[in-house]
Amino acid sequence: KILDYAWEKGIRHFDTAPTYKSQKILGEFIKINNLEKEINIFSK
């Protein structure tokens, strides 16, 4: 819900890390919505 709302409101940059439990969720969100060409990721 947070990711969907963020995208809806124009957020295109997301910060994550392999140690976060969210990185795989973010990957799923990107793949499901075909966002590979639009999204900007900061990882670690």
All heavy atoms as atom14 arrays in JSON, in Angstrom:
{
  "sequence": "KILDYAWEKGIRHFDTAPTYKSQKILGEFIKINNLEKEINIFSK",
  "atom14_mask": [
    [1, 1, 1, 1, 1, 1, 1, 1, 1, 0, 0, 0, 0, 0],
    [1, 1, 1, 1, 1, 1, 1, 1, 0, 0, 0, 0, 0, 0],
    [1, 1, 1, 1, 1, 1, 1, 1, 0, 0, 0, 0, 0, 0],
    [1, 1, 1, 1, 1, 1, 1, 1, 0, 0, 0, 0, 0, 0],
    [1, 1, 1, 1, 1, 1, 1, 1, 1, 1, 1, 1, 0, 0],
    [1, 1, 1, 1, 1, 0, 0, 0, 0, 0, 0, 0, 0, 0],
    [1, 1, 1, 1, 1, 1, 1, 1, 1, 1, 1, 1, 1, 1],
    [1, 1, 1, 1, 1, 1, 1, 1, 1, 0, 0, 0, 0, 0],
    [1, 1, 1, 1, 1, 1, 1, 1, 1, 0, 0, 0, 0, 0],
    [1, 1, 1, 1, 0, 0, 0, 0, 0, 0, 0, 0, 0, 0],
    [1, 1, 1, 1, 1, 1, 1, 1, 0, 0, 0, 0, 0, 0],
    [1, 1, 1, 1, 1, 1, 1, 1, 1, 1, 1, 0, 0, 0],
    [1, 1, 1, 1, 1, 1, 1, 1, 1, 1, 0, 0, 0, 0],
    [1, 1, 1, 1, 1, 1, 1, 1, 1, 1, 1, 0, 0, 0],
    [1, 1, 1, 1, 1, 1, 1, 1, 0, 0, 0, 0, 0, 0],
    [1, 1, 1, 1, 1, 1, 1, 0, 0, 0, 0, 0, 0, 0],
    [1, 1, 1, 1, 1, 0, 0, 0, 0, 0, 0, 0, 0, 0],
    [1, 1, 1, 1, 1, 1, 1, 0, 0, 0, 0, 0, 0, 0],
    [1, 1, 1, 1, 1, 1, 1, 0, 0, 0, 0, 0, 0, 0],
    [1, 1, 1, 1, 1, 1, 1, 1, 1, 1, 1, 1, 0, 0],
    [1, 1, 1, 1, 1, 1, 1, 1, 1, 0, 0, 0, 0, 0],
    [1, 1, 1, 1, 1, 1, 0, 0, 0, 0, 0, 0, 0, 0],
    [1, 1, 1, 1, 1, 1, 1, 1, 1, 0, 0, 0, 0, 0],
    [1, 1, 1, 1, 1, 1, 1, 1, 1, 0, 0, 0, 0, 0],
    [1, 1, 1, 1, 1, 1, 1, 1, 0, 0, 0, 0, 0, 0],
    [1, 1, 1, 1, 1, 1, 1, 1, 0, 0, 0, 0, 0, 0],
    [1, 1, 1, 1, 0, 0, 0, 0, 0, 0, 0, 0, 0, 0],
    [1, 1, 1, 1, 1, 1, 1, 1, 1, 0, 0, 0, 0, 0],
    [1, 1, 1, 1, 1, 1, 1, 1, 1, 1, 1, 0, 0, 0],
    [1, 1, 1, 1, 1, 1, 1, 1, 0, 0, 0, 0, 0, 0],
    [1, 1, 1, 1, 1, 1, 1, 1, 1, 0, 0, 0, 0, 0],
    [1, 1, 1, 1, 1, 1, 1, 1, 0, 0, 0, 0, 0, 0],
    [1, 1, 1, 1, 1, 1, 1, 1, 0, 0, 0, 0, 0, 0],
    [1, 1, 1, 1, 1, 1, 1, 1, 0, 0, 0, 0, 0, 0],
    [1, 1, 1, 1, 1, 1, 1, 1, 0, 0, 0, 0, 0, 0],
    [1, 1, 1, 1, 1, 1, 1, 1, 1, 0, 0, 0, 0, 0],
    [1, 1, 1, 1, 1, 1, 1, 1, 1, 0, 0, 0, 0, 0],
    [1, 1, 1, 1, 1, 1, 1, 1, 1, 0, 0, 0, 0, 0],
    [1, 1, 1, 1, 1, 1, 1, 1, 0, 0, 0, 0, 0, 0],
    [1, 1, 1, 1, 1, 1, 1, 1, 0, 0, 0, 0, 0, 0],
    [1, 1, 1, 1, 1, 1, 1, 1, 0, 0, 0, 0, 0, 0],
    [1, 1, 1, 1, 1, 1, 1, 1, 1, 1, 1, 0, 0, 0],
    [1, 1, 1, 1, 1, 1, 0, 0, 0, 0, 0, 0, 0, 0],
    [1, 1, 1, 1, 1, 1, 1, 1, 1, 0, 0, 0, 0, 0]
  ],
  "atom14_positions": [
    [[0.84, -1.21, 0.0], [0.0, 0.0, 0.0], [0.87, 1.25, 0.0], [0.58, 2.23, -0.69], [-0.93, 0.01, 1.22], [-2.09, -0.94, 1.13], [-2.98, -0.81, 2.37], [-4.17, -1.75, 2.31], [-5.03, -1.62, 3.51], [0.0, 0.0, 0.0], [0.0, 0.0, 0.0], [0.0, 0.0, 0.0], [0.0, 0.0, 0.0], [0.0, 0.0, 0.0]],
    [[1.93, 1.22, 0.79], [2.85, 2.36, 0.87], [3.53, 2.58, -0.48], [3.6, 3.71, -0.98], [3.91, 2.12, 1.97], [3.25, 2.14, 3.36], [5.02, 3.18, 1.9], [4.15, 1.64, 4.48], [0.0, 0.0, 0.0], [0.0, 0.0, 0.0], [0.0, 0.0, 0.0], [0.0, 0.0, 0.0], [0.0, 0.0, 0.0], [0.0, 0.0, 0.0]],
    [[4.02, 1.5, -1.09], [4.7, 1.62, -2.38], [3.76, 2.12, -3.47], [4.11, 2.97, -4.28], [5.31, 0.27, -2.77], [6.46, -0.23, -1.88], [6.84, -1.65, -2.26], [7.67, 0.68, -1.97], [0.0, 0.0, 0.0], [0.0, 0.0, 0.0], [0.0, 0.0, 0.0], [0.0, 0.0, 0.0], [0.0, 0.0, 0.0], [0.0, 0.0, 0.0]],
    [[2.56, 1.58, -3.49], [1.56, 2.01, -4.48], [1.23, 3.49, -4.33], [1.17, 4.23, -5.32], [0.26, 1.19, -4.33], [0.36, -0.19, -4.97], [1.09, -0.33, -5.97], [-0.3, -1.12, -4.48], [0.0, 0.0, 0.0], [0.0, 0.0, 0.0], [0.0, 0.0, 0.0], [0.0, 0.0, 0.0], [0.0, 0.0, 0.0], [0.0, 0.0, 0.0]],
    [[1.02, 3.91, -3.1], [0.65, 5.31, -2.84], [1.81, 6.24, -3.2], [1.61, 7.31, -3.79], [0.27, 5.49, -1.38], [-0.23, 6.87, -1.05], [-1.52, 7.27, -1.41], [0.57, 7.78, -0.36], [-1.99, 8.54, -1.11], [0.11, 9.05, -0.07], [-1.16, 9.42, -0.44], [-1.62, 10.68, -0.15], [0.0, 0.0, 0.0], [0.0, 0.0, 0.0]],
    [[3.02, 5.82, -2.85], [4.2, 6.63, -3.18], [4.31, 6.83, -4.68], [4.55, 7.96, -5.16], [5.46, 5.96, -2.63], [0.0, 0.0, 0.0], [0.0, 0.0, 0.0], [0.0, 0.0, 0.0], [0.0, 0.0, 0.0], [0.0, 0.0, 0.0], [0.0, 0.0, 0.0], [0.0, 0.0, 0.0], [0.0, 0.0, 0.0], [0.0, 0.0, 0.0]],
    [[4.14, 5.76, -5.43], [4.24, 5.86, -6.89], [3.14, 6.75, -7.46], [3.37, 7.58, -8.33], [4.17, 4.47, -7.51], [4.59, 4.46, -8.95], [3.79, 4.56, -10.05], [5.94, 4.42, -9.44], [4.54, 4.56, -11.2], [5.87, 4.47, -10.85], [7.19, 4.33, -8.83], [7.0, 4.44, -11.66], [8.31, 4.3, -9.63], [8.22, 4.35, -11.03]],
    [[1.93, 6.57, -6.93], [0.79, 7.38, -7.37], [1.04, 8.87, -7.16], [0.62, 9.7, -7.97], [-0.45, 6.94, -6.58], [-1.71, 7.76, -6.85], [-2.81, 7.45, -5.85], [-2.87, 6.29, -5.37], [-3.59, 8.36, -5.53], [0.0, 0.0, 0.0], [0.0, 0.0, 0.0], [0.0, 0.0, 0.0], [0.0, 0.0, 0.0], [0.0, 0.0, 0.0]],
    [[1.75, 9.21, -6.09], [2.01, 10.61, -5.77], [3.28, 11.16, -6.41], [3.71, 12.27, -6.12], [2.09, 10.79, -4.24], [0.76, 10.53, -3.53], [-0.31, 11.47, -4.03], [-1.66, 11.22, -3.38], [-2.71, 12.13, -3.9], [0.0, 0.0, 0.0], [0.0, 0.0, 0.0], [0.0, 0.0, 0.0], [0.0, 0.0, 0.0], [0.0, 0.0, 0.0]],
    [[3.89, 10.39, -7.3], [5.01, 10.91, -8.07], [6.39, 10.59, -7.53], [7.39, 11.11, -8.04], [0.0, 0.0, 0.0], [0.0, 0.0, 0.0], [0.0, 0.0, 0.0], [0.0, 0.0, 0.0], [0.0, 0.0, 0.0], [0.0, 0.0, 0.0], [0.0, 0.0, 0.0], [0.0, 0.0, 0.0], [0.0, 0.0, 0.0], [0.0, 0.0, 0.0]],
    [[6.49, 9.74, -6.5], [7.79, 9.36, -5.98], [8.41, 8.31, -6.9], [7.79, 7.28, -7.18], [7.67, 8.82, -4.54], [7.18, 9.94, -3.61], [9.02, 8.28, -4.05], [6.85, 9.47, -2.2], [0.0, 0.0, 0.0], [0.0, 0.0, 0.0], [0.0, 0.0, 0.0], [0.0, 0.0, 0.0], [0.0, 0.0, 0.0], [0.0, 0.0, 0.0]],
    [[9.61, 8.6, -7.39], [10.27, 7.7, -8.33], [11.62, 7.21, -7.81], [12.31, 6.45, -8.49], [10.48, 8.42, -9.68], [9.16, 8.81, -10.37], [8.41, 7.58, -10.82], [7.16, 7.9, -11.51], [5.97, 7.95, -10.92], [5.86, 7.73, -9.61], [4.88, 8.23, -11.62], [0.0, 0.0, 0.0], [0.0, 0.0, 0.0], [0.0, 0.0, 0.0]],
    [[12.0, 7.64, -6.62], [13.28, 7.23, -6.02], [12.99, 6.47, -4.72], [12.2, 6.94, -3.88], [14.17, 8.43, -5.73], [14.72, 9.09, -6.96], [13.92, 9.82, -7.83], [15.98, 9.13, -7.48], [14.67, 10.28, -8.81], [15.92, 9.87, -8.63], [0.0, 0.0, 0.0], [0.0, 0.0, 0.0], [0.0, 0.0, 0.0], [0.0, 0.0, 0.0]],
    [[13.67, 5.34, -4.54], [13.45, 4.49, -3.37], [14.8, 4.04, -2.82], [15.71, 3.71, -3.58], [12.62, 3.26, -3.75], [11.23, 3.61, -4.22], [11.02, 4.06, -5.53], [10.14, 3.49, -3.37], [9.74, 4.38, -5.97], [8.86, 3.82, -3.81], [8.66, 4.27, -5.11], [0.0, 0.0, 0.0], [0.0, 0.0, 0.0], [0.0, 0.0, 0.0]],
    [[14.91, 4.03, -1.5], [16.16, 3.63, -0.84], [15.94, 2.29, -0.15], [14.96, 2.1, 0.58], [16.57, 4.68, 0.19], [17.86, 4.3, 0.9], [18.93, 4.43, 0.28], [17.8, 3.86, 2.06], [0.0, 0.0, 0.0], [0.0, 0.0, 0.0], [0.0, 0.0, 0.0], [0.0, 0.0, 0.0], [0.0, 0.0, 0.0], [0.0, 0.0, 0.0]],
    [[16.87, 1.37, -0.36], [16.75, 0.05, 0.25], [18.14, -0.51, 0.54], [19.15, 0.19, 0.41], [15.94, -0.89, -0.67], [15.7, -2.12, 0.01], [16.66, -1.16, -1.99], [0.0, 0.0, 0.0], [0.0, 0.0, 0.0], [0.0, 0.0, 0.0], [0.0, 0.0, 0.0], [0.0, 0.0, 0.0], [0.0, 0.0, 0.0], [0.0, 0.0, 0.0]],
    [[18.2, -1.78, 0.92], [19.48, -2.46, 1.19], [19.22, -3.95, 1.24], [18.11, -4.38, 1.59], [20.07, -1.97, 2.52], [0.0, 0.0, 0.0], [0.0, 0.0, 0.0], [0.0, 0.0, 0.0], [0.0, 0.0, 0.0], [0.0, 0.0, 0.0], [0.0, 0.0, 0.0], [0.0, 0.0, 0.0], [0.0, 0.0, 0.0], [0.0, 0.0, 0.0]],
    [[20.22, -4.77, 0.92], [20.03, -6.22, 0.97], [19.73, -6.72, 2.38], [19.14, -7.79, 2.54], [21.35, -6.78, 0.44], [22.33, -5.67, 0.57], [21.55, -4.41, 0.43], [0.0, 0.0, 0.0], [0.0, 0.0, 0.0], [0.0, 0.0, 0.0], [0.0, 0.0, 0.0], [0.0, 0.0, 0.0], [0.0, 0.0, 0.0], [0.0, 0.0, 0.0]],
    [[20.11, -5.96, 3.4], [19.83, -6.37, 4.78], [18.41, -6.01, 5.21], [17.94, -6.47, 6.25], [20.82, -5.7, 5.75], [20.8, -4.28, 5.56], [22.23, -6.22, 5.52], [0.0, 0.0, 0.0], [0.0, 0.0, 0.0], [0.0, 0.0, 0.0], [0.0, 0.0, 0.0], [0.0, 0.0, 0.0], [0.0, 0.0, 0.0], [0.0, 0.0, 0.0]],
    [[17.72, -5.17, 4.43], [16.33, -4.84, 4.74], [15.43, -5.98, 4.26], [15.69, -6.58, 3.21], [15.87, -3.56, 4.04], [16.62, -2.3, 4.39], [16.45, -1.15, 3.63], [17.51, -2.26, 5.46], [17.12, 0.02, 3.94], [18.19, -1.09, 5.76], [18.01, 0.05, 4.99], [18.68, 1.2, 5.28], [0.0, 0.0, 0.0], [0.0, 0.0, 0.0]],
    [[14.37, -6.23, 4.96], [13.41, -7.24, 4.52], [12.56, -6.73, 3.36], [11.76, -7.46, 2.8], [12.51, -7.64, 5.69], [13.26, -8.35, 6.81], [12.32, -8.73, 7.94], [13.08, -9.44, 9.05], [12.18, -9.81, 10.18], [0.0, 0.0, 0.0], [0.0, 0.0, 0.0], [0.0, 0.0, 0.0], [0.0, 0.0, 0.0], [0.0, 0.0, 0.0]],
    [[12.75, -5.46, 3.02], [11.94, -4.83, 1.98], [12.51, -4.96, 0.57], [11.81, -4.73, -0.4], [11.77, -3.34, 2.29], [13.04, -2.7, 2.28], [0.0, 0.0, 0.0], [0.0, 0.0, 0.0], [0.0, 0.0, 0.0], [0.0, 0.0, 0.0], [0.0, 0.0, 0.0], [0.0, 0.0, 0.0], [0.0, 0.0, 0.0], [0.0, 0.0, 0.0]],
    [[13.79, -5.3, 0.45], [14.4, -5.24, -0.89], [13.73, -6.2, -1.87], [13.46, -5.84, -3.02], [15.9, -5.52, -0.82], [16.58, -5.44, -2.19], [18.02, -4.99, -2.15], [18.3, -3.86, -1.78], [18.94, -5.86, -2.55], [0.0, 0.0, 0.0], [0.0, 0.0, 0.0], [0.0, 0.0, 0.0], [0.0, 0.0, 0.0], [0.0, 0.0, 0.0]],
    [[13.4, -7.4, -1.42], [12.72, -8.35, -2.29], [11.3, -7.89, -2.61], [10.81, -8.08, -3.72], [12.7, -9.74, -1.66], [14.06, -10.43, -1.67], [13.96, -11.85, -1.12], [15.33, -12.53, -1.16], [15.26, -13.91, -0.61], [0.0, 0.0, 0.0], [0.0, 0.0, 0.0], [0.0, 0.0, 0.0], [0.0, 0.0, 0.0], [0.0, 0.0, 0.0]],
    [[10.64, -7.28, -1.62], [9.28, -6.75, -1.84], [9.32, -5.65, -2.89], [8.48, -5.58, -3.79], [8.69, -6.21, -0.53], [8.38, -7.36, 0.42], [7.42, -5.39, -0.78], [7.85, -6.95, 1.76], [0.0, 0.0, 0.0], [0.0, 0.0, 0.0], [0.0, 0.0, 0.0], [0.0, 0.0, 0.0], [0.0, 0.0, 0.0], [0.0, 0.0, 0.0]],
    [[10.33, -4.79, -2.78], [10.49, -3.72, -3.76], [10.73, -4.3, -5.15], [10.18, -3.81, -6.15], [11.65, -2.8, -3.35], [11.85, -1.51, -4.14], [10.57, -0.68, -4.2], [12.99, -0.69, -3.52], [0.0, 0.0, 0.0], [0.0, 0.0, 0.0], [0.0, 0.0, 0.0], [0.0, 0.0, 0.0], [0.0, 0.0, 0.0], [0.0, 0.0, 0.0]],
    [[11.52, -5.37, -5.22], [11.76, -6.04, -6.49], [10.48, -6.61, -7.08], [10.23, -6.5, -8.29], [0.0, 0.0, 0.0], [0.0, 0.0, 0.0], [0.0, 0.0, 0.0], [0.0, 0.0, 0.0], [0.0, 0.0, 0.0], [0.0, 0.0, 0.0], [0.0, 0.0, 0.0], [0.0, 0.0, 0.0], [0.0, 0.0, 0.0], [0.0, 0.0, 0.0]],
    [[9.65, -7.21, -6.24], [8.35, -7.73, -6.69], [7.47, -6.6, -7.21], [6.8, -6.73, -8.24], [7.66, -8.46, -5.54], [8.34, -9.75, -5.12], [7.74, -10.32, -3.85], [6.75, -9.75, -3.35], [8.28, -11.34, -3.35], [0.0, 0.0, 0.0], [0.0, 0.0, 0.0], [0.0, 0.0, 0.0], [0.0, 0.0, 0.0], [0.0, 0.0, 0.0]],
    [[7.45, -5.49, -6.49], [6.66, -4.33, -6.87], [7.09, -3.8, -8.24], [6.27, -3.46, -9.09], [6.82, -3.24, -5.8], [6.14, -1.95, -6.12], [4.76, -1.81, -6.01], [6.89, -0.84, -6.52], [4.14, -0.6, -6.3], [6.27, 0.37, -6.8], [4.89, 0.49, -6.69], [0.0, 0.0, 0.0], [0.0, 0.0, 0.0], [0.0, 0.0, 0.0]],
    [[8.4, -3.75, -8.47], [8.94, -3.27, -9.75], [8.54, -4.21, -10.89], [8.08, -3.76, -11.95], [10.48, -3.16, -9.67], [10.88, -2.04, -8.71], [11.08, -2.91, -11.05], [12.36, -2.04, -8.34], [0.0, 0.0, 0.0], [0.0, 0.0, 0.0], [0.0, 0.0, 0.0], [0.0, 0.0, 0.0], [0.0, 0.0, 0.0], [0.0, 0.0, 0.0]],
    [[8.69, -5.52, -10.65], [8.4, -6.5, -11.71], [6.91, -6.55, -12.05], [6.52, -6.53, -13.23], [8.88, -7.88, -11.27], [8.76, -8.93, -12.37], [9.36, -10.26, -11.91], [9.25, -11.29, -13.04], [9.85, -12.59, -12.62], [0.0, 0.0, 0.0], [0.0, 0.0, 0.0], [0.0, 0.0, 0.0], [0.0, 0.0, 0.0], [0.0, 0.0, 0.0]],
    [[6.06, -6.58, -11.04], [4.61, -6.67, -11.26], [4.08, -5.47, -12.05], [3.22, -5.6, -12.91], [3.87, -6.77, -9.9], [4.14, -8.13, -9.25], [2.36, -6.56, -10.08], [3.68, -8.23, -7.81], [0.0, 0.0, 0.0], [0.0, 0.0, 0.0], [0.0, 0.0, 0.0], [0.0, 0.0, 0.0], [0.0, 0.0, 0.0], [0.0, 0.0, 0.0]],
    [[4.65, -4.28, -11.75], [4.16, -3.06, -12.37], [4.99, -2.59, -13.57], [4.75, -1.51, -14.11], [4.1, -1.94, -11.32], [3.07, -2.22, -10.24], [1.87, -2.08, -10.46], [3.55, -2.63, -9.06], [0.0, 0.0, 0.0], [0.0, 0.0, 0.0], [0.0, 0.0, 0.0], [0.0, 0.0, 0.0], [0.0, 0.0, 0.0], [0.0, 0.0, 0.0]],
    [[5.97, -3.4, -13.97], [6.82, -3.08, -15.13], [7.45, -1.68, -15.02], [7.34, -0.85, -15.92], [6.01, -3.18, -16.43], [5.47, -4.57, -16.67], [6.21, -5.55, -16.56], [4.19, -4.67, -16.99], [0.0, 0.0, 0.0], [0.0, 0.0, 0.0], [0.0, 0.0, 0.0], [0.0, 0.0, 0.0], [0.0, 0.0, 0.0], [0.0, 0.0, 0.0]],
    [[8.13, -1.45, -13.91], [8.66, -0.11, -13.62], [10.16, 0.01, -13.89], [10.78, 1.01, -13.53], [8.38, 0.25, -12.16], [6.92, 0.17, -11.7], [6.81, 0.5, -10.23], [6.04, 1.09, -12.53], [0.0, 0.0, 0.0], [0.0, 0.0, 0.0], [0.0, 0.0, 0.0], [0.0, 0.0, 0.0], [0.0, 0.0, 0.0], [0.0, 0.0, 0.0]],
    [[10.73, -1.0, -14.52], [12.19, -1.06, -14.68], [12.78, 0.2, -15.32], [13.89, 0.62, -14.95], [12.59, -2.28, -15.53], [12.31, -3.62, -14.88], [10.9, -4.14, -15.14], [10.07, -3.36, -15.68], [10.63, -5.3, -14.8], [0.0, 0.0, 0.0], [0.0, 0.0, 0.0], [0.0, 0.0, 0.0], [0.0, 0.0, 0.0], [0.0, 0.0, 0.0]],
    [[12.06, 0.81, -16.25], [12.61, 1.96, -16.97], [12.31, 3.29, -16.29], [12.85, 4.32, -16.7], [12.07, 1.97, -18.4], [12.55, 0.79, -19.25], [12.03, 0.87, -20.67], [12.5, -0.31, -21.51], [11.99, -0.26, -22.9], [0.0, 0.0, 0.0], [0.0, 0.0, 0.0], [0.0, 0.0, 0.0], [0.0, 0.0, 0.0], [0.0, 0.0, 0.0]],
    [[11.47, 3.28, -15.27], [11.05, 4.53, -14.66], [11.6, 4.74, -13.25], [11.75, 5.87, -12.8], [9.52, 4.6, -14.59], [8.83, 4.58, -15.93], [7.32, 4.59, -15.77], [6.78, 5.64, -15.38], [6.69, 3.55, -16.01], [0.0, 0.0, 0.0], [0.0, 0.0, 0.0], [0.0, 0.0, 0.0], [0.0, 0.0, 0.0], [0.0, 0.0, 0.0]],
    [[11.85, 3.64, -12.55], [12.19, 3.74, -11.13], [13.69, 3.96, -10.93], [14.52, 3.57, -11.75], [11.74, 2.45, -10.4], [11.61, 2.7, -8.89], [12.67, 1.28, -10.7], [10.83, 1.6, -8.17], [0.0, 0.0, 0.0], [0.0, 0.0, 0.0], [0.0, 0.0, 0.0], [0.0, 0.0, 0.0], [0.0, 0.0, 0.0], [0.0, 0.0, 0.0]],
    [[14.04, 4.64, -9.83], [15.43, 4.88, -9.45], [15.65, 4.3, -8.06], [14.95, 4.67, -7.1], [15.74, 6.38, -9.42], [15.62, 7.0, -10.8], [16.49, 6.85, -11.63], [14.52, 7.7, -11.05], [0.0, 0.0, 0.0], [0.0, 0.0, 0.0], [0.0, 0.0, 0.0], [0.0, 0.0, 0.0], [0.0, 0.0, 0.0], [0.0, 0.0, 0.0]],
    [[16.62, 3.4, -7.95], [16.86, 2.71, -6.68], [18.23, 3.07, -6.1], [19.24, 3.03, -6.79], [16.79, 1.18, -6.86], [15.44, 0.76, -7.43], [17.06, 0.48, -5.54], [14.27, 1.0, -6.54], [0.0, 0.0, 0.0], [0.0, 0.0, 0.0], [0.0, 0.0, 0.0], [0.0, 0.0, 0.0], [0.0, 0.0, 0.0], [0.0, 0.0, 0.0]],
    [[18.24, 3.4, -4.81], [19.47, 3.5, -4.03], [19.54, 2.23, -3.18], [18.67, 2.0, -2.33], [19.46, 4.72, -3.11], [19.46, 6.04, -3.82], [18.85, 7.15, -3.24], [20.07, 6.21, -5.05], [18.86, 8.39, -3.88], [20.08, 7.43, -5.7], [19.47, 8.52, -5.11], [0.0, 0.0, 0.0], [0.0, 0.0, 0.0], [0.0, 0.0, 0.0]],
    [[20.56, 1.41, -3.41], [20.74, 0.23, -2.56], [22.12, 0.32, -1.9], [22.78, 1.35, -1.98], [20.6, -1.05, -3.37], [20.55, -2.17, -2.5], [0.0, 0.0, 0.0], [0.0, 0.0, 0.0], [0.0, 0.0, 0.0], [0.0, 0.0, 0.0], [0.0, 0.0, 0.0], [0.0, 0.0, 0.0], [0.0, 0.0, 0.0], [0.0, 0.0, 0.0]],
    [[22.54, -0.76, -1.25], [23.8, -0.72, -0.49], [24.61, -1.99, -0.67], [24.09, -3.04, -1.04], [23.5, -0.49, 1.0], [22.85, 0.86, 1.28], [22.57, 1.04, 2.75], [21.92, 2.4, 2.98], [20.55, 2.46, 2.4], [0.0, 0.0, 0.0], [0.0, 0.0, 0.0], [0.0, 0.0, 0.0], [0.0, 0.0, 0.0], [0.0, 0.0, 0.0]]
  ]
}
